[in-house]
Amino acid sequence: MIEFTQRDILRGKLVEPAWYKGHIESLEKKLAAKGDSTNYNYEITLLKNADNGDEKFAGVPVTVNFNTKAKGFMIGFFAAMGAEITAGARFNEDNAVGKDIELYITNEEYDGRMINKCKHQYRPVGADVAAV
């Protein structure tokens, strides 16, 4: 028997492209397919539209992916949570879990279907929209 949770159902819900406040629920670390790098997959639950407070897409889970071969994409993610990024700085990737972040979600075609996608645009929670 297969049973679906509300989260399973919401995972396929397409959201309107916008800035969203999200809560970082978990981190999955796994070896990349070629075995020469690590993938970091953060599961983030959308809480509300960060600009107008609309909760129409609250609860929709999105995954944000990083790979150790392209660490530069992580800079904005950690900076949005207050980290100062400098050469040689080190961060424990697990510490992001449990924090809130604002991220821009757009839609993209993947395997013939539309999905929610974060193209690595982040800002601190409550950021001045005019300054971003």
N, C-alpha and C. Protein backbone atom coordinates (compact mmCIF):
# COMPACT_ATOMS: atom_id res chain seq x y z
N MET A 1 0.85 -1.19 0.00
CA MET A 1 0.00 0.00 0.00
C MET A 1 0.89 1.25 0.00
N ILE A 2 0.48 2.21 -0.77
CA ILE A 2 1.18 3.49 -0.81
C ILE A 2 0.28 4.54 -0.19
N GLU A 3 0.85 5.29 0.71
CA GLU A 3 0.10 6.37 1.35
C GLU A 3 0.84 7.68 1.12
N PHE A 4 0.12 8.70 0.71
CA PHE A 4 0.71 10.01 0.45
C PHE A 4 0.46 10.94 1.62
N THR A 5 1.49 11.69 1.99
CA THR A 5 1.34 12.74 3.00
C THR A 5 0.97 14.04 2.30
N GLN A 6 0.55 15.01 3.06
CA GLN A 6 0.26 16.33 2.50
C GLN A 6 1.53 16.91 1.87
N ARG A 7 2.67 16.65 2.48
CA ARG A 7 3.95 17.13 1.95
C ARG A 7 4.22 16.50 0.58
N ASP A 8 3.93 15.22 0.43
CA ASP A 8 4.10 14.55 -0.87
C ASP A 8 3.26 15.23 -1.93
N ILE A 9 2.04 15.56 -1.58
CA ILE A 9 1.12 16.19 -2.53
C ILE A 9 1.61 17.59 -2.90
N LEU A 10 2.06 18.35 -1.89
CA LEU A 10 2.52 19.72 -2.14
C LEU A 10 3.82 19.76 -2.93
N ARG A 11 4.62 18.70 -2.86
CA ARG A 11 5.91 18.68 -3.55
C ARG A 11 5.74 18.93 -5.05
N GLY A 12 4.65 18.50 -5.63
CA GLY A 12 4.42 18.69 -7.06
C GLY A 12 3.67 19.95 -7.41
N LYS A 13 3.35 20.78 -6.42
CA LYS A 13 2.58 22.00 -6.68
C LYS A 13 3.50 23.09 -7.24
N LEU A 14 3.15 23.61 -8.40
CA LEU A 14 3.92 24.65 -9.03
C LEU A 14 3.58 25.99 -8.39
N VAL A 15 4.59 26.72 -7.92
CA VAL A 15 4.36 28.01 -7.29
C VAL A 15 4.57 29.13 -8.30
N GLU A 16 4.02 30.29 -8.00
CA GLU A 16 4.24 31.47 -8.85
C GLU A 16 5.65 31.98 -8.61
N PRO A 17 6.39 32.33 -9.65
CA PRO A 17 7.74 32.87 -9.46
C PRO A 17 7.70 34.11 -8.56
N ALA A 18 8.50 34.07 -7.51
CA ALA A 18 8.53 35.17 -6.54
C ALA A 18 9.60 34.88 -5.49
N TRP A 19 9.82 35.89 -4.64
CA TRP A 19 10.66 35.71 -3.46
C TRP A 19 9.82 35.06 -2.37
N TYR A 20 10.34 34.02 -1.73
CA TYR A 20 9.64 33.32 -0.66
C TYR A 20 10.51 33.24 0.58
N LYS A 21 9.86 33.33 1.73
CA LYS A 21 10.53 33.02 2.99
C LYS A 21 10.39 31.52 3.16
N GLY A 22 11.51 30.87 3.49
CA GLY A 22 11.47 29.43 3.66
C GLY A 22 12.21 29.00 4.91
N HIS A 23 11.87 27.82 5.37
CA HIS A 23 12.52 27.23 6.54
C HIS A 23 13.33 26.02 6.08
N ILE A 24 14.61 26.00 6.42
CA ILE A 24 15.50 24.91 6.02
C ILE A 24 15.25 23.74 6.95
N GLU A 25 14.64 22.69 6.42
CA GLU A 25 14.22 21.53 7.20
C GLU A 25 15.32 20.51 7.41
N SER A 26 16.08 20.23 6.35
CA SER A 26 17.06 19.15 6.45
C SER A 26 18.12 19.29 5.38
N LEU A 27 19.16 18.50 5.55
CA LEU A 27 20.26 18.45 4.59
C LEU A 27 20.58 16.99 4.32
N GLU A 28 20.61 16.65 3.04
CA GLU A 28 21.04 15.32 2.62
C GLU A 28 22.38 15.49 1.92
N LYS A 29 23.39 14.76 2.38
CA LYS A 29 24.71 14.77 1.75
C LYS A 29 24.91 13.41 1.11
N LYS A 30 25.30 13.43 -0.16
CA LYS A 30 25.57 12.15 -0.79
C LYS A 30 26.60 12.29 -1.88
N LEU A 31 27.31 11.22 -2.12
CA LEU A 31 28.33 11.18 -3.14
C LEU A 31 27.69 11.38 -4.51
N ALA A 32 28.30 12.22 -5.33
CA ALA A 32 27.80 12.45 -6.68
C ALA A 32 27.94 11.16 -7.49
N ALA A 33 27.19 11.07 -8.57
CA ALA A 33 27.15 9.86 -9.39
C ALA A 33 28.55 9.40 -9.83
N LYS A 34 29.42 10.33 -10.18
CA LYS A 34 30.77 9.96 -10.63
C LYS A 34 31.69 9.60 -9.46
N GLY A 35 31.24 9.90 -8.24
CA GLY A 35 32.04 9.56 -7.06
C GLY A 35 33.19 10.48 -6.76
N ASP A 36 33.25 11.62 -7.44
CA ASP A 36 34.39 12.52 -7.26
C ASP A 36 34.03 13.84 -6.57
N SER A 37 32.82 13.94 -6.06
CA SER A 37 32.39 15.16 -5.35
C SER A 37 31.18 14.80 -4.49
N THR A 38 30.74 15.79 -3.72
CA THR A 38 29.59 15.58 -2.83
C THR A 38 28.46 16.52 -3.20
N ASN A 39 27.25 16.00 -3.22
CA ASN A 39 26.05 16.81 -3.42
C ASN A 39 25.46 17.16 -2.06
N TYR A 40 25.05 18.41 -1.91
CA TYR A 40 24.36 18.88 -0.71
C TYR A 40 22.96 19.28 -1.14
N ASN A 41 21.95 18.59 -0.63
CA ASN A 41 20.56 18.85 -1.00
C ASN A 41 19.81 19.34 0.24
N TYR A 42 19.52 20.64 0.25
CA TYR A 42 18.76 21.23 1.36
C TYR A 42 17.27 21.18 1.03
N GLU A 43 16.49 20.64 1.95
CA GLU A 43 15.03 20.61 1.82
C GLU A 43 14.49 21.84 2.53
N ILE A 44 13.78 22.69 1.80
CA ILE A 44 13.27 23.95 2.35
C ILE A 44 11.75 23.98 2.19
N THR A 45 11.06 24.32 3.27
CA THR A 45 9.60 24.46 3.23
C THR A 45 9.27 25.93 3.06
N LEU A 46 8.50 26.26 2.02
CA LEU A 46 8.08 27.64 1.82
C LEU A 46 7.07 28.03 2.88
N LEU A 47 7.24 29.23 3.45
CA LEU A 47 6.36 29.72 4.50
C LEU A 47 5.37 30.75 3.97
N LYS A 48 5.88 31.66 3.13
CA LYS A 48 5.02 32.72 2.58
C LYS A 48 5.79 33.49 1.52
N ASN A 49 5.06 34.24 0.73
CA ASN A 49 5.66 35.16 -0.22
C ASN A 49 6.38 36.22 0.62
N ALA A 50 7.66 36.41 0.37
CA ALA A 50 8.46 37.31 1.20
C ALA A 50 8.15 38.78 0.97
N ASP A 51 7.53 39.10 -0.16
CA ASP A 51 7.27 40.50 -0.47
C ASP A 51 5.88 40.97 -0.06
N ASN A 52 4.88 40.08 -0.14
CA ASN A 52 3.52 40.52 0.19
C ASN A 52 2.85 39.71 1.29
N GLY A 53 3.54 38.69 1.82
CA GLY A 53 2.99 37.91 2.94
C GLY A 53 1.97 36.86 2.56
N ASP A 54 1.66 36.73 1.27
CA ASP A 54 0.67 35.74 0.82
C ASP A 54 1.14 34.33 1.19
N GLU A 55 0.25 33.54 1.80
CA GLU A 55 0.59 32.19 2.23
C GLU A 55 -0.01 31.12 1.32
N LYS A 56 -0.37 31.51 0.10
CA LYS A 56 -1.00 30.58 -0.84
C LYS A 56 -0.14 29.34 -1.09
N PHE A 57 1.17 29.47 -1.04
CA PHE A 57 2.06 28.34 -1.31
C PHE A 57 2.80 27.86 -0.05
N ALA A 58 2.28 28.23 1.11
CA ALA A 58 2.88 27.78 2.37
C ALA A 58 2.85 26.25 2.43
N GLY A 59 3.95 25.68 2.85
CA GLY A 59 4.04 24.24 2.99
C GLY A 59 4.65 23.52 1.80
N VAL A 60 4.80 24.22 0.68
CA VAL A 60 5.38 23.58 -0.50
C VAL A 60 6.87 23.35 -0.25
N PRO A 61 7.33 22.11 -0.38
CA PRO A 61 8.76 21.85 -0.20
C PRO A 61 9.52 22.05 -1.51
N VAL A 62 10.70 22.62 -1.40
CA VAL A 62 11.60 22.76 -2.55
C VAL A 62 12.98 22.26 -2.12
N THR A 63 13.74 21.80 -3.07
CA THR A 63 15.09 21.34 -2.78
C THR A 63 16.08 22.27 -3.44
N VAL A 64 17.09 22.68 -2.69
CA VAL A 64 18.17 23.50 -3.21
C VAL A 64 19.41 22.62 -3.22
N ASN A 65 20.04 22.53 -4.39
CA ASN A 65 21.17 21.62 -4.57
C ASN A 65 22.49 22.38 -4.76
N PHE A 66 23.53 21.85 -4.13
CA PHE A 66 24.89 22.36 -4.31
C PHE A 66 25.81 21.17 -4.53
N ASN A 67 26.98 21.45 -5.10
CA ASN A 67 27.98 20.41 -5.29
C ASN A 67 29.34 20.99 -4.93
N THR A 68 30.20 20.17 -4.35
CA THR A 68 31.51 20.66 -3.92
C THR A 68 32.40 21.11 -5.07
N LYS A 69 32.08 20.72 -6.28
CA LYS A 69 32.87 21.19 -7.43
C LYS A 69 32.48 22.61 -7.85
N ALA A 70 31.36 23.12 -7.34
CA ALA A 70 30.89 24.46 -7.69
C ALA A 70 30.49 25.20 -6.42
N LYS A 71 31.43 25.29 -5.49
CA LYS A 71 31.15 25.90 -4.18
C LYS A 71 30.73 27.37 -4.26
N GLY A 72 31.07 28.05 -5.33
CA GLY A 72 30.72 29.46 -5.47
C GLY A 72 29.22 29.70 -5.37
N PHE A 73 28.40 28.71 -5.78
CA PHE A 73 26.95 28.87 -5.69
C PHE A 73 26.47 28.90 -4.24
N MET A 74 27.28 28.41 -3.31
CA MET A 74 26.92 28.39 -1.90
C MET A 74 27.10 29.75 -1.22
N ILE A 75 27.88 30.62 -1.82
CA ILE A 75 28.22 31.90 -1.19
C ILE A 75 26.97 32.69 -0.82
N GLY A 76 26.08 32.90 -1.76
CA GLY A 76 24.86 33.67 -1.49
C GLY A 76 23.98 33.01 -0.44
N PHE A 77 23.93 31.69 -0.46
CA PHE A 77 23.13 30.93 0.50
C PHE A 77 23.60 31.19 1.92
N PHE A 78 24.91 31.01 2.17
CA PHE A 78 25.45 31.23 3.51
C PHE A 78 25.46 32.72 3.88
N ALA A 79 25.73 33.60 2.92
CA ALA A 79 25.73 35.04 3.19
C ALA A 79 24.35 35.52 3.61
N ALA A 80 23.29 34.94 3.02
CA ALA A 80 21.92 35.34 3.37
C ALA A 80 21.58 34.98 4.81
N MET A 81 22.35 34.07 5.39
CA MET A 81 22.14 33.70 6.80
C MET A 81 23.14 34.40 7.71
N GLY A 82 23.86 35.39 7.17
CA GLY A 82 24.73 36.21 7.99
C GLY A 82 26.19 35.83 7.99
N ALA A 83 26.58 34.83 7.22
CA ALA A 83 27.98 34.43 7.18
C ALA A 83 28.79 35.43 6.37
N GLU A 84 29.97 35.75 6.86
CA GLU A 84 30.88 36.61 6.12
C GLU A 84 31.79 35.71 5.29
N ILE A 85 31.71 35.82 3.99
CA ILE A 85 32.44 34.94 3.10
C ILE A 85 33.78 35.58 2.74
N THR A 86 34.86 34.94 3.15
CA THR A 86 36.21 35.38 2.83
C THR A 86 37.02 34.15 2.42
N ALA A 87 38.11 34.36 1.70
CA ALA A 87 38.97 33.25 1.31
C ALA A 87 39.46 32.54 2.57
N GLY A 88 39.37 31.25 2.57
CA GLY A 88 39.82 30.46 3.71
C GLY A 88 38.78 30.26 4.78
N ALA A 89 37.65 30.98 4.71
CA ALA A 89 36.59 30.81 5.70
C ALA A 89 36.00 29.41 5.55
N ARG A 90 35.61 28.82 6.69
CA ARG A 90 35.04 27.48 6.68
C ARG A 90 33.67 27.53 7.37
N PHE A 91 32.74 26.74 6.84
CA PHE A 91 31.38 26.71 7.38
C PHE A 91 30.92 25.28 7.54
N ASN A 92 30.21 25.02 8.62
CA ASN A 92 29.61 23.71 8.82
C ASN A 92 28.26 23.74 8.13
N GLU A 93 28.14 22.99 7.05
CA GLU A 93 26.92 23.01 6.24
C GLU A 93 25.68 22.56 7.02
N ASP A 94 25.87 21.78 8.07
CA ASP A 94 24.74 21.32 8.90
C ASP A 94 24.09 22.47 9.68
N ASN A 95 24.85 23.53 9.94
CA ASN A 95 24.32 24.64 10.75
C ASN A 95 23.21 25.42 10.06
N ALA A 96 23.03 25.24 8.77
CA ALA A 96 21.94 25.94 8.06
C ALA A 96 20.58 25.34 8.40
N VAL A 97 20.56 24.07 8.78
CA VAL A 97 19.30 23.39 9.10
C VAL A 97 18.66 24.06 10.31
N GLY A 98 17.37 24.37 10.18
CA GLY A 98 16.63 25.04 11.25
C GLY A 98 16.54 26.54 11.08
N LYS A 99 17.25 27.09 10.12
CA LYS A 99 17.23 28.53 9.89
C LYS A 99 16.22 28.90 8.80
N ASP A 100 15.86 30.17 8.77
CA ASP A 100 14.99 30.70 7.72
C ASP A 100 15.84 31.48 6.73
N ILE A 101 15.37 31.53 5.50
CA ILE A 101 16.08 32.22 4.43
C ILE A 101 15.04 32.71 3.42
N GLU A 102 15.37 33.71 2.65
CA GLU A 102 14.53 34.11 1.54
C GLU A 102 15.22 33.67 0.26
N LEU A 103 14.43 33.10 -0.64
CA LEU A 103 14.96 32.59 -1.89
C LEU A 103 13.97 32.86 -3.01
N TYR A 104 14.52 33.07 -4.20
CA TYR A 104 13.67 33.33 -5.36
C TYR A 104 13.40 32.01 -6.05
N ILE A 105 12.12 31.68 -6.20
CA ILE A 105 11.70 30.45 -6.86
C ILE A 105 11.11 30.81 -8.21
N THR A 106 11.55 30.12 -9.23
CA THR A 106 11.02 30.28 -10.57
C THR A 106 10.54 28.91 -11.04
N ASN A 107 10.05 28.84 -12.26
CA ASN A 107 9.61 27.56 -12.82
C ASN A 107 10.51 27.23 -14.00
N GLU A 108 10.75 25.94 -14.17
CA GLU A 108 11.65 25.49 -15.22
C GLU A 108 11.16 24.14 -15.74
N GLU A 109 11.35 23.91 -17.02
CA GLU A 109 10.98 22.61 -17.57
C GLU A 109 12.08 21.60 -17.29
N TYR A 110 11.68 20.44 -16.82
CA TYR A 110 12.62 19.34 -16.54
C TYR A 110 11.95 18.03 -16.94
N ASP A 111 12.58 17.29 -17.82
CA ASP A 111 12.04 16.01 -18.27
C ASP A 111 10.61 16.14 -18.80
N GLY A 112 10.33 17.25 -19.49
CA GLY A 112 9.02 17.44 -20.10
C GLY A 112 7.93 17.93 -19.17
N ARG A 113 8.29 18.31 -17.95
CA ARG A 113 7.29 18.83 -17.00
C ARG A 113 7.86 20.06 -16.31
N MET A 114 6.98 20.90 -15.82
CA MET A 114 7.40 22.12 -15.12
C MET A 114 7.65 21.80 -13.65
N ILE A 115 8.74 22.37 -13.13
CA ILE A 115 9.09 22.19 -11.72
C ILE A 115 9.45 23.54 -11.10
N ASN A 116 9.45 23.59 -9.77
CA ASN A 116 9.93 24.75 -9.03
C ASN A 116 11.44 24.67 -8.98
N LYS A 117 12.09 25.81 -9.18
CA LYS A 117 13.55 25.83 -9.22
C LYS A 117 14.09 27.09 -8.57
N CYS A 118 15.07 26.91 -7.70
CA CYS A 118 15.80 28.04 -7.13
C CYS A 118 17.11 28.13 -7.89
N LYS A 119 17.33 29.26 -8.55
CA LYS A 119 18.56 29.45 -9.33
C LYS A 119 19.57 30.26 -8.54
N HIS A 120 19.70 29.91 -7.28
CA HIS A 120 20.72 30.46 -6.38
C HIS A 120 20.62 31.97 -6.20
N GLN A 121 19.39 32.44 -5.97
CA GLN A 121 19.16 33.83 -5.60
C GLN A 121 18.63 33.81 -4.17
N TYR A 122 19.38 34.41 -3.26
CA TYR A 122 19.03 34.39 -1.84
C TYR A 122 19.19 35.79 -1.25
N ARG A 123 18.46 36.02 -0.17
CA ARG A 123 18.62 37.26 0.57
C ARG A 123 18.26 36.98 2.03
N PRO A 124 18.76 37.81 2.93
CA PRO A 124 18.41 37.62 4.35
C PRO A 124 16.92 37.81 4.58
N VAL A 125 16.39 37.13 5.56
CA VAL A 125 14.98 37.31 5.93
C VAL A 125 14.77 38.77 6.33
N GLY A 126 13.73 39.36 5.74
CA GLY A 126 13.42 40.76 6.06
C GLY A 126 14.29 41.76 5.34
N ALA A 127 14.99 41.32 4.28
CA ALA A 127 15.89 42.24 3.55
C ALA A 127 15.07 43.38 2.95
N ASP A 128 15.72 44.53 2.84
CA ASP A 128 15.12 45.68 2.18
C ASP A 128 15.05 45.37 0.69
N VAL A 129 13.84 45.19 0.17
CA VAL A 129 13.65 44.77 -1.22
C VAL A 129 14.31 45.77 -2.17
N ALA A 130 14.27 47.04 -1.85
CA ALA A 130 14.85 48.06 -2.73
C ALA A 130 16.36 47.91 -2.83
N ALA A 131 16.98 47.31 -1.80
CA ALA A 131 18.43 47.18 -1.79
C ALA A 131 18.92 45.90 -2.45
N VAL A 132 18.01 45.00 -2.81
CA VAL A 132 18.42 43.71 -3.36
C VAL A 132 18.49 43.77 -4.87
